[in-house]
Amino acid sequence: MTHVLLFGGQVISWKNDRREELLFMSSKAILKPPNAIRGGIPICFPQFGNFGTLEQHGFARNRMWSIDDCPSPLSPANNQSSVDLILKSTDEDLKTWPRSFQLRLRISLGPGKLTLIPRVRNTDSRPFSFTFAIRNYLSVSDISEVRVEGLETLDYFDNLKQRQRFTEQTDAVTFDGEVDRIYLSTPSKIATIDHEKKRTFVLRKDGLPDAVVWNPWDKKAKALPDFGDEDYKVMLCVDSAAIENRIVLKPCEEWRGYQELSTVHSSYCSGQLDPWKVIHG
């Protein structure tokens, strides 16, 4: 089961067949315009973070979207419940980002998985470029017992160190303090393993080469007005993104991304992820 808002075009709830909530929502989230909603799966467009001159993470996440009655050329989502949303540039947006666009998003719910397909079309008379991210607020049992696999040996920008570039030296990302990293040229599959719940989130993606890993930890959590002081213990953002290399569209061109989130049961034995094939299979 999933719950989608037209405000922000945002998934704010995704539950499995046992009615367990899989997405995190801040205990202090503000669920009304014009504030962006802290939790679920917000869309960051046309800017991720402060990689540009616009507001943090762009404006798509705090605009009112519409149902898309003509989502072609996507084929129907067989055996899945789906909704097609659209966001078009407004006069207000054109004042701050003078590019005419259409942003479409298909959200599909299937057995054990949630799929998002974003598409951006240039309806302007000039080329434009943008960065993009699907921010996934994952619900976890205890952040200190979570590990992210699939990012080993990759380069990343560390936002806590003026975006200096480093190389991941560990075989999995674990958490004992604030983390805010943009991993570059990442694989199409990334696994987030929650040992306590014996649950693994599997993120599959295409057209979104980067991956953001974020947890604010205690000090930053207390500084965020829409974030509960203790919320950092039960959440982790693992995002599909295109940040390092901006996406460039000529007039009438369209970009398409793809993300699929699924969960599998996992066990943790002798320091190794049991379903090894999650990443390598």
C-alpha atoms as a PDB file:
ATOM      1  CA  MET A   1       0.000   0.000   0.000  1.00  0.00           C
ATOM      2  CA  THR A   2       1.255   3.460  -0.802  1.00  0.00           C
ATOM      3  CA  HIS A   3       0.082   7.032  -0.215  1.00  0.00           C
ATOM      4  CA  VAL A   4       0.915   9.753  -2.750  1.00  0.00           C
ATOM      5  CA  LEU A   5       0.317  13.507  -2.419  1.00  0.00           C
ATOM      6  CA  LEU A   6      -0.185  15.879  -5.324  1.00  0.00           C
ATOM      7  CA  PHE A   7       1.745  18.413  -3.267  1.00  0.00           C
ATOM      8  CA  GLY A   8       5.335  17.708  -4.207  1.00  0.00           C
ATOM      9  CA  GLY A   9       4.308  14.692  -6.314  1.00  0.00           C
ATOM     10  CA  GLN A  10       5.497  12.836  -3.253  1.00  0.00           C
ATOM     11  CA  VAL A  11       5.130   9.301  -1.931  1.00  0.00           C
ATOM     12  CA  ILE A  12       4.723   9.696   1.841  1.00  0.00           C
ATOM     13  CA  SER A  13       3.944   6.102   2.808  1.00  0.00           C
ATOM     14  CA  TRP A  14       4.789   2.630   1.519  1.00  0.00           C
ATOM     15  CA  LYS A  15       3.765  -0.429   3.490  1.00  0.00           C
ATOM     16  CA  ASN A  16       4.485  -4.093   2.901  1.00  0.00           C
ATOM     17  CA  ASP A  17       1.951  -6.914   2.995  1.00  0.00           C
ATOM     18  CA  ARG A  18       2.320  -7.043   6.793  1.00  0.00           C
ATOM     19  CA  ARG A  19       1.362  -3.371   6.898  1.00  0.00           C
ATOM     20  CA  GLU A  20       4.814  -2.382   8.157  1.00  0.00           C
ATOM     21  CA  GLU A  21       5.818   1.151   7.156  1.00  0.00           C
ATOM     22  CA  LEU A  22       8.959   1.101   5.003  1.00  0.00           C
ATOM     23  CA  LEU A  23       9.481   4.851   4.616  1.00  0.00           C
ATOM     24  CA  PHE A  24      10.524   7.318   7.283  1.00  0.00           C
ATOM     25  CA  MET A  25       8.456  10.391   8.113  1.00  0.00           C
ATOM     26  CA  SER A  26       9.844  12.954  10.535  1.00  0.00           C
ATOM     27  CA  SER A  27       7.954  13.281  13.812  1.00  0.00           C
ATOM     28  CA  LYS A  28       7.986  17.038  13.155  1.00  0.00           C
ATOM     29  CA  ALA A  29       7.137  16.923   9.440  1.00  0.00           C
ATOM     30  CA  ILE A  30       4.958  19.776   8.187  1.00  0.00           C
ATOM     31  CA  LEU A  31       2.353  18.214   5.908  1.00  0.00           C
ATOM     32  CA  LYS A  32       0.971  21.351   4.309  1.00  0.00           C
ATOM     33  CA  PRO A  33       2.167  23.863   1.695  1.00  0.00           C
ATOM     34  CA  PRO A  34       4.397  25.710   1.171  1.00  0.00           C
ATOM     35  CA  ASN A  35       6.883  23.679   3.227  1.00  0.00           C
ATOM     36  CA  ALA A  36       8.654  20.661   1.729  1.00  0.00           C
ATOM     37  CA  ILE A  37       7.722  17.440   3.527  1.00  0.00           C
ATOM     38  CA  ARG A  38      10.515  15.836   5.567  1.00  0.00           C
ATOM     39  CA  GLY A  39      10.099  12.164   4.745  1.00  0.00           C
ATOM     40  CA  GLY A  40       8.784   9.725   2.158  1.00  0.00           C
ATOM     41  CA  ILE A  41      10.219  10.133  -1.349  1.00  0.00           C
ATOM     42  CA  PRO A  42      10.546  13.777  -2.452  1.00  0.00           C
ATOM     43  CA  ILE A  43      11.701  14.726  -5.949  1.00  0.00           C
ATOM     44  CA  CYS A  44      14.659  17.124  -6.184  1.00  0.00           C
ATOM     45  CA  PHE A  45      14.455  19.160  -9.408  1.00  0.00           C
ATOM     46  CA  PRO A  46      15.879  21.174 -11.146  1.00  0.00           C
ATOM     47  CA  GLN A  47      18.604  21.307  -8.512  1.00  0.00           C
ATOM     48  CA  PHE A  48      19.928  18.919  -5.903  1.00  0.00           C
ATOM     49  CA  GLY A  49      21.001  20.420  -2.592  1.00  0.00           C
ATOM     50  CA  ASN A  50      22.742  23.748  -3.095  1.00  0.00           C
ATOM     51  CA  PHE A  51      24.387  22.747  -6.370  1.00  0.00           C
ATOM     52  CA  GLY A  52      23.159  25.967  -8.006  1.00  0.00           C
ATOM     53  CA  THR A  53      21.431  29.249  -7.272  1.00  0.00           C
ATOM     54  CA  LEU A  54      17.922  27.967  -6.520  1.00  0.00           C
ATOM     55  CA  GLU A  55      16.374  27.024  -3.188  1.00  0.00           C
ATOM     56  CA  GLN A  56      17.686  23.869  -1.477  1.00  0.00           C
ATOM     57  CA  HIS A  57      16.789  20.791  -3.584  1.00  0.00           C
ATOM     58  CA  GLY A  58      14.898  22.899  -6.150  1.00  0.00           C
ATOM     59  CA  PHE A  59      11.206  23.729  -6.270  1.00  0.00           C
ATOM     60  CA  ALA A  60       9.506  20.551  -7.526  1.00  0.00           C
ATOM     61  CA  ARG A  61       9.112  19.164  -4.002  1.00  0.00           C
ATOM     62  CA  ASN A  62       6.998  22.098  -2.844  1.00  0.00           C
ATOM     63  CA  ARG A  63       4.773  22.672  -5.853  1.00  0.00           C
ATOM     64  CA  MET A  64       1.298  21.297  -6.516  1.00  0.00           C
ATOM     65  CA  TRP A  65       1.412  18.629  -9.215  1.00  0.00           C
ATOM     66  CA  SER A  66      -1.485  17.370 -11.370  1.00  0.00           C
ATOM     67  CA  ILE A  67      -2.706  13.988 -12.560  1.00  0.00           C
ATOM     68  CA  ASP A  68      -1.218  13.323 -15.994  1.00  0.00           C
ATOM     69  CA  ASP A  69      -4.006  12.256 -18.347  1.00  0.00           C
ATOM     70  CA  CYS A  70      -1.638  11.662 -21.263  1.00  0.00           C
ATOM     71  CA  PRO A  71       1.486   9.893 -19.965  1.00  0.00           C
ATOM     72  CA  SER A  72       2.620   8.580 -23.372  1.00  0.00           C
ATOM     73  CA  PRO A  73       4.983   7.229 -24.566  1.00  0.00           C
ATOM     74  CA  LEU A  74       5.156   5.041 -21.448  1.00  0.00           C
ATOM     75  CA  SER A  75       3.414   1.715 -21.841  1.00  0.00           C
ATOM     76  CA  PRO A  76       0.787   0.691 -19.275  1.00  0.00           C
ATOM     77  CA  ALA A  77       2.091  -0.691 -15.999  1.00  0.00           C
ATOM     78  CA  ASN A  78       0.867  -4.274 -16.243  1.00  0.00           C
ATOM     79  CA  ASN A  79      -0.062  -6.077 -13.003  1.00  0.00           C
ATOM     80  CA  GLN A  80       0.767  -2.950 -11.034  1.00  0.00           C
ATOM     81  CA  SER A  81      -1.247  -0.123  -9.553  1.00  0.00           C
ATOM     82  CA  SER A  82       0.106   3.129 -10.912  1.00  0.00           C
ATOM     83  CA  VAL A  83      -0.502   6.863 -11.019  1.00  0.00           C
ATOM     84  CA  ASP A  84       0.942   9.350 -13.487  1.00  0.00           C
ATOM     85  CA  LEU A  85       1.708  12.874 -12.287  1.00  0.00           C
ATOM     86  CA  ILE A  86       2.910  15.981 -14.094  1.00  0.00           C
ATOM     87  CA  LEU A  87       4.469  19.292 -13.111  1.00  0.00           C
ATOM     88  CA  LYS A  88       4.717  22.115 -15.642  1.00  0.00           C
ATOM     89  CA  SER A  89       6.690  25.339 -15.347  1.00  0.00           C
ATOM     90  CA  THR A  90       4.634  28.237 -13.991  1.00  0.00           C
ATOM     91  CA  ASP A  91       5.093  31.988 -14.324  1.00  0.00           C
ATOM     92  CA  GLU A  92       6.384  31.997 -10.752  1.00  0.00           C
ATOM     93  CA  ASP A  93       8.981  29.326 -11.514  1.00  0.00           C
ATOM     94  CA  LEU A  94      10.077  31.082 -14.704  1.00  0.00           C
ATOM     95  CA  LYS A  95      11.080  34.111 -12.644  1.00  0.00           C
ATOM     96  CA  THR A  96      13.668  32.101 -10.709  1.00  0.00           C
ATOM     97  CA  TRP A  97      14.484  29.428 -13.323  1.00  0.00           C
ATOM     98  CA  PRO A  98      13.609  30.811 -16.796  1.00  0.00           C
ATOM     99  CA  ARG A  99      13.245  27.475 -18.584  1.00  0.00           C
ATOM    100  CA  SER A 100      10.005  25.953 -19.793  1.00  0.00           C
ATOM    101  CA  PHE A 101       9.678  22.249 -18.920  1.00  0.00           C
ATOM    102  CA  GLN A 102       7.379  19.326 -18.212  1.00  0.00           C
ATOM    103  CA  LEU A 103       8.288  16.931 -15.399  1.00  0.00           C
ATOM    104  CA  ARG A 104       6.359  13.665 -15.433  1.00  0.00           C
ATOM    105  CA  LEU A 105       6.440  10.973 -12.775  1.00  0.00           C
ATOM    106  CA  ARG A 106       4.951   7.485 -12.890  1.00  0.00           C
ATOM    107  CA  ILE A 107       4.601   5.813  -9.492  1.00  0.00           C
ATOM    108  CA  SER A 108       3.856   2.081  -9.656  1.00  0.00           C
ATOM    109  CA  LEU A 109       3.190  -0.336  -6.827  1.00  0.00           C
ATOM    110  CA  GLY A 110       3.789  -4.033  -7.433  1.00  0.00           C
ATOM    111  CA  PRO A 111       4.264  -7.080  -5.217  1.00  0.00           C
ATOM    112  CA  GLY A 112       7.074  -6.140  -2.850  1.00  0.00           C
ATOM    113  CA  LYS A 113       8.326  -3.209  -4.909  1.00  0.00           C
ATOM    114  CA  LEU A 114       7.761   0.468  -5.583  1.00  0.00           C
ATOM    115  CA  THR A 115       8.838   1.928  -8.931  1.00  0.00           C
ATOM    116  CA  LEU A 116       9.293   5.572  -9.897  1.00  0.00           C
ATOM    117  CA  ILE A 117       9.920   6.678 -13.482  1.00  0.00           C
ATOM    118  CA  PRO A 118      10.671  10.404 -13.823  1.00  0.00           C
ATOM    119  CA  ARG A 119      10.826  12.148 -17.185  1.00  0.00           C
ATOM    120  CA  VAL A 120      11.831  15.719 -17.986  1.00  0.00           C
ATOM    121  CA  ARG A 121      10.968  17.314 -21.335  1.00  0.00           C
ATOM    122  CA  ASN A 122      12.433  20.575 -22.599  1.00  0.00           C
ATOM    123  CA  THR A 123       9.475  22.647 -23.880  1.00  0.00           C
ATOM    124  CA  ASP A 124      11.654  25.749 -24.170  1.00  0.00           C
ATOM    125  CA  SER A 125      13.252  27.213 -27.280  1.00  0.00           C
ATOM    126  CA  ARG A 126      16.746  26.905 -25.778  1.00  0.00           C
ATOM    127  CA  PRO A 127      18.780  24.071 -24.256  1.00  0.00           C
ATOM    128  CA  PHE A 128      18.865  23.795 -20.486  1.00  0.00           C
ATOM    129  CA  SER A 129      20.596  21.662 -17.876  1.00  0.00           C
ATOM    130  CA  PHE A 130      19.646  20.435 -14.425  1.00  0.00           C
ATOM    131  CA  THR A 131      20.532  18.091 -11.596  1.00  0.00           C
ATOM    132  CA  PHE A 132      18.031  15.583 -10.255  1.00  0.00           C
ATOM    133  CA  ALA A 133      17.497  13.231  -7.351  1.00  0.00           C
ATOM    134  CA  ILE A 134      14.894  10.860  -5.968  1.00  0.00           C
ATOM    135  CA  ARG A 135      15.368  11.185  -2.204  1.00  0.00           C
ATOM    136  CA  ASN A 136      14.478   7.960  -0.392  1.00  0.00           C
ATOM    137  CA  TYR A 137      13.861   8.339   3.326  1.00  0.00           C
ATOM    138  CA  LEU A 138      14.144   4.709   4.422  1.00  0.00           C
ATOM    139  CA  SER A 139      12.776   3.547   7.774  1.00  0.00           C
ATOM    140  CA  VAL A 140      15.345   1.536   9.750  1.00  0.00           C
ATOM    141  CA  SER A 141      15.338  -0.004  13.216  1.00  0.00           C
ATOM    142  CA  ASP A 142      18.656   1.389  14.477  1.00  0.00           C
ATOM    143  CA  ILE A 143      21.032   3.397  12.275  1.00  0.00           C
ATOM    144  CA  SER A 144      24.061   2.033  14.129  1.00  0.00           C
ATOM    145  CA  GLU A 145      23.072  -1.467  12.953  1.00  0.00           C
ATOM    146  CA  VAL A 146      22.643  -0.530   9.276  1.00  0.00           C
ATOM    147  CA  ARG A 147      25.125  -0.965   6.445  1.00  0.00           C
ATOM    148  CA  VAL A 148      25.017   0.059   2.782  1.00  0.00           C
ATOM    149  CA  GLU A 149      26.700  -2.275   0.297  1.00  0.00           C
ATOM    150  CA  GLY A 150      27.547  -1.715  -3.351  1.00  0.00           C
ATOM    151  CA  LEU A 151      29.536   1.530  -2.936  1.00  0.00           C
ATOM    152  CA  GLU A 152      32.948   0.063  -2.074  1.00  0.00           C
ATOM    153  CA  THR A 153      35.985   1.516  -3.929  1.00  0.00           C
ATOM    154  CA  LEU A 154      33.878   4.334  -5.408  1.00  0.00           C
ATOM    155  CA  ASP A 155      34.755   8.021  -5.356  1.00  0.00           C
ATOM    156  CA  TYR A 156      32.473  10.377  -3.462  1.00  0.00           C
ATOM    157  CA  PHE A 157      32.068  14.067  -2.629  1.00  0.00           C
ATOM    158  CA  ASP A 158      31.957  14.652   1.114  1.00  0.00           C
ATOM    159  CA  ASN A 159      29.542  17.515   1.798  1.00  0.00           C
ATOM    160  CA  LEU A 160      30.865  17.737   5.356  1.00  0.00           C
ATOM    161  CA  LYS A 161      34.343  18.561   3.992  1.00  0.00           C
ATOM    162  CA  GLN A 162      33.613  21.249   1.377  1.00  0.00           C
ATOM    163  CA  ARG A 163      32.802  18.596  -1.229  1.00  0.00           C
ATOM    164  CA  GLN A 164      36.304  17.218  -1.274  1.00  0.00           C
ATOM    165  CA  ARG A 165      36.629  14.054  -3.312  1.00  0.00           C
ATOM    166  CA  PHE A 166      37.518  10.824  -1.538  1.00  0.00           C
ATOM    167  CA  THR A 167      37.503   7.101  -2.338  1.00  0.00           C
ATOM    168  CA  GLU A 168      35.450   4.683  -0.245  1.00  0.00           C
ATOM    169  CA  GLN A 169      37.906   2.408   1.552  1.00  0.00           C
ATOM    170  CA  THR A 170      35.495   0.118   3.414  1.00  0.00           C
ATOM    171  CA  ASP A 171      33.503  -2.831   2.084  1.00  0.00           C
ATOM    172  CA  ALA A 172      30.265  -1.262   3.396  1.00  0.00           C
ATOM    173  CA  VAL A 173      29.131   2.156   4.606  1.00  0.00           C
ATOM    174  CA  THR A 174      28.274   2.077   8.323  1.00  0.00           C
ATOM    175  CA  PHE A 175      27.162   4.851  10.648  1.00  0.00           C
ATOM    176  CA  ASP A 176      28.532   6.248  13.905  1.00  0.00           C
ATOM    177  CA  GLY A 177      28.143   9.957  13.109  1.00  0.00           C
ATOM    178  CA  GLU A 178      26.813  12.396  10.516  1.00  0.00           C
ATOM    179  CA  VAL A 179      27.173  11.272   6.897  1.00  0.00           C
ATOM    180  CA  ASP A 180      26.467  13.404   3.812  1.00  0.00           C
ATOM    181  CA  ARG A 181      28.105  11.957   0.703  1.00  0.00           C
ATOM    182  CA  ILE A 182      27.503  11.892  -3.036  1.00  0.00           C
ATOM    183  CA  TYR A 183      28.872   8.632  -4.491  1.00  0.00           C
ATOM    184  CA  LEU A 184      29.792   8.881  -8.168  1.00  0.00           C
ATOM    185  CA  SER A 185      29.239   6.483 -11.066  1.00  0.00           C
ATOM    186  CA  THR A 186      27.492   3.983  -8.833  1.00  0.00           C
ATOM    187  CA  PRO A 187      26.232   0.527  -9.841  1.00  0.00           C
ATOM    188  CA  SER A 188      22.633  -0.098 -10.844  1.00  0.00           C
ATOM    189  CA  LYS A 189      21.980  -1.970  -7.564  1.00  0.00           C
ATOM    190  CA  ILE A 190      22.661  -0.824  -4.002  1.00  0.00           C
ATOM    191  CA  ALA A 191      21.645  -2.712  -0.857  1.00  0.00           C
ATOM    192  CA  THR A 192      20.775  -1.184   2.523  1.00  0.00           C
ATOM    193  CA  ILE A 193      20.862  -3.908   5.170  1.00  0.00           C
ATOM    194  CA  ASP A 194      18.923  -3.496   8.426  1.00  0.00           C
ATOM    195  CA  HIS A 195      20.326  -6.241  10.670  1.00  0.00           C
ATOM    196  CA  GLU A 196      17.826  -5.855  13.487  1.00  0.00           C
ATOM    197  CA  LYS A 197      14.779  -6.162  11.218  1.00  0.00           C
ATOM    198  CA  LYS A 198      16.525  -8.729   9.013  1.00  0.00           C
ATOM    199  CA  ARG A 199      15.418  -6.633   6.067  1.00  0.00           C
ATOM    200  CA  THR A 200      17.351  -5.436   3.045  1.00  0.00           C
ATOM    201  CA  PHE A 201      16.219  -2.563   0.858  1.00  0.00           C
ATOM    202  CA  VAL A 202      17.372  -3.137  -2.714  1.00  0.00           C
ATOM    203  CA  LEU A 203      17.647  -0.002  -4.837  1.00  0.00           C
ATOM    204  CA  ARG A 204      17.779  -0.537  -8.597  1.00  0.00           C
ATOM    205  CA  LYS A 205      18.195   2.463 -10.862  1.00  0.00           C
ATOM    206  CA  ASP A 206      18.943   3.617 -14.378  1.00  0.00           C
ATOM    207  CA  GLY A 207      19.723   7.059 -15.802  1.00  0.00           C
ATOM    208  CA  LEU A 208      20.682   8.211 -12.297  1.00  0.00           C
ATOM    209  CA  PRO A 209      24.396   7.414 -12.021  1.00  0.00           C
ATOM    210  CA  ASP A 210      25.088   8.929  -8.595  1.00  0.00           C
ATOM    211  CA  ALA A 211      23.871   7.948  -5.121  1.00  0.00           C
ATOM    212  CA  VAL A 212      23.514  10.152  -2.052  1.00  0.00           C
ATOM    213  CA  VAL A 213      23.843   8.723   1.463  1.00  0.00           C
ATOM    214  CA  TRP A 214      22.650  11.017   4.272  1.00  0.00           C
ATOM    215  CA  ASN A 215      22.015  10.839   7.986  1.00  0.00           C
ATOM    216  CA  PRO A 216      22.139  14.055  10.038  1.00  0.00           C
ATOM    217  CA  TRP A 217      23.053  12.417  13.383  1.00  0.00           C
ATOM    218  CA  ASP A 218      22.185  14.093  16.673  1.00  0.00           C
ATOM    219  CA  LYS A 219      23.610  17.616  16.405  1.00  0.00           C
ATOM    220  CA  LYS A 220      22.268  18.358  12.910  1.00  0.00           C
ATOM    221  CA  ALA A 221      18.914  16.730  13.769  1.00  0.00           C
ATOM    222  CA  LYS A 222      18.424  19.184  16.632  1.00  0.00           C
ATOM    223  CA  ALA A 223      19.194  22.086  14.294  1.00  0.00           C
ATOM    224  CA  LEU A 224      16.534  21.108  11.717  1.00  0.00           C
ATOM    225  CA  PRO A 225      13.150  22.593  12.678  1.00  0.00           C
ATOM    226  CA  ASP A 226      11.132  19.858  10.943  1.00  0.00           C
ATOM    227  CA  PHE A 227      13.220  16.954  12.268  1.00  0.00           C
ATOM    228  CA  GLY A 228      12.718  15.232  15.621  1.00  0.00           C
ATOM    229  CA  ASP A 229      15.743  15.194  17.927  1.00  0.00           C
ATOM    230  CA  GLU A 230      15.843  11.384  18.015  1.00  0.00           C
ATOM    231  CA  ASP A 231      14.583  10.725  14.479  1.00  0.00           C
ATOM    232  CA  TYR A 232      18.074  10.239  13.078  1.00  0.00           C
ATOM    233  CA  LYS A 233      18.254   6.856  14.826  1.00  0.00           C
ATOM    234  CA  VAL A 234      15.476   5.342  12.693  1.00  0.00           C
ATOM    235  CA  MET A 235      16.121   6.755   9.205  1.00  0.00           C
ATOM    236  CA  LEU A 236      18.574   6.764   6.355  1.00  0.00           C
ATOM    237  CA  CYS A 237      18.475   8.484   2.989  1.00  0.00           C
ATOM    238  CA  VAL A 238      19.877   6.510   0.067  1.00  0.00           C
ATOM    239  CA  ASP A 239      19.066   8.484  -3.069  1.00  0.00           C
ATOM    240  CA  SER A 240      19.173   7.917  -6.816  1.00  0.00           C
ATOM    241  CA  ALA A 241      20.699  11.002  -8.381  1.00  0.00           C
ATOM    242  CA  ALA A 242      22.340  12.749 -11.324  1.00  0.00           C
ATOM    243  CA  ILE A 243      24.554  15.434  -9.802  1.00  0.00           C
ATOM    244  CA  GLU A 244      28.195  15.297 -10.904  1.00  0.00           C
ATOM    245  CA  ASN A 245      27.339  15.553 -14.602  1.00  0.00           C
ATOM    246  CA  ARG A 246      24.360  17.803 -15.249  1.00  0.00           C
ATOM    247  CA  ILE A 247      21.668  16.496 -17.588  1.00  0.00           C
ATOM    248  CA  VAL A 248      21.475  18.628 -20.737  1.00  0.00           C
ATOM    249  CA  LEU A 249      18.351  18.747 -22.903  1.00  0.00           C
ATOM    250  CA  LYS A 250      17.924  20.441 -26.255  1.00  0.00           C
ATOM    251  CA  PRO A 251      14.468  21.800 -27.172  1.00  0.00           C
ATOM    252  CA  CYS A 252      11.904  18.959 -27.433  1.00  0.00           C
ATOM    253  CA  GLU A 253      14.340  16.418 -25.967  1.00  0.00           C
ATOM    254  CA  GLU A 254      13.307  14.231 -23.050  1.00  0.00           C
ATOM    255  CA  TRP A 255      15.344  12.598 -20.287  1.00  0.00           C
ATOM    256  CA  ARG A 256      14.110   9.519 -18.474  1.00  0.00           C
ATOM    257  CA  GLY A 257      15.213   7.945 -15.207  1.00  0.00           C
ATOM    258  CA  TYR A 258      14.188   4.799 -13.388  1.00  0.00           C
ATOM    259  CA  GLN A 259      14.159   3.666  -9.787  1.00  0.00           C
ATOM    260  CA  GLU A 260      12.839   0.489  -8.191  1.00  0.00           C
ATOM    261  CA  LEU A 261      12.798  -0.067  -4.428  1.00  0.00           C
ATOM    262  CA  SER A 262      12.168  -3.558  -3.110  1.00  0.00           C
ATOM    263  CA  THR A 263      12.713  -5.415   0.141  1.00  0.00           C
ATOM    264  CA  VAL A 264      14.070  -8.894   0.766  1.00  0.00           C
ATOM    265  CA  HIS A 265      14.448 -10.859   3.969  1.00  0.00           C
ATOM    266  CA  SER A 266      18.094 -11.073   4.992  1.00  0.00           C
ATOM    267  CA  SER A 267      20.129 -12.551   7.789  1.00  0.00           C
ATOM    268  CA  TYR A 268      23.482 -11.432   9.071  1.00  0.00           C
ATOM    269  CA  CYS A 269      26.027 -14.170   9.662  1.00  0.00           C
ATOM    270  CA  SER A 270      29.756 -13.828  10.337  1.00  0.00           C
ATOM    271  CA  GLY A 271      29.872 -10.294   8.993  1.00  0.00           C
ATOM    272  CA  GLN A 272      28.551 -11.214   5.571  1.00  0.00           C
ATOM    273  CA  LEU A 273      25.304 -10.336   3.874  1.00  0.00           C
ATOM    274  CA  ASP A 274      23.413 -13.605   3.475  1.00  0.00           C
ATOM    275  CA  PRO A 275      21.749 -12.947   0.078  1.00  0.00           C
ATOM    276  CA  TRP A 276      25.088 -12.147  -1.579  1.00  0.00           C
ATOM    277  CA  LYS A 277      23.379 -12.161  -4.909  1.00  0.00           C
ATOM    278  CA  VAL A 278      21.453  -9.012  -3.979  1.00  0.00           C
ATOM    279  CA  ILE A 279      24.408  -6.995  -5.188  1.00  0.00           C
ATOM    280  CA  HIS A 280      26.305  -9.387  -7.416  1.00  0.00           C
ATOM    281  CA  GLY A 281      23.507 -11.537  -8.806  1.00  0.00           C
END
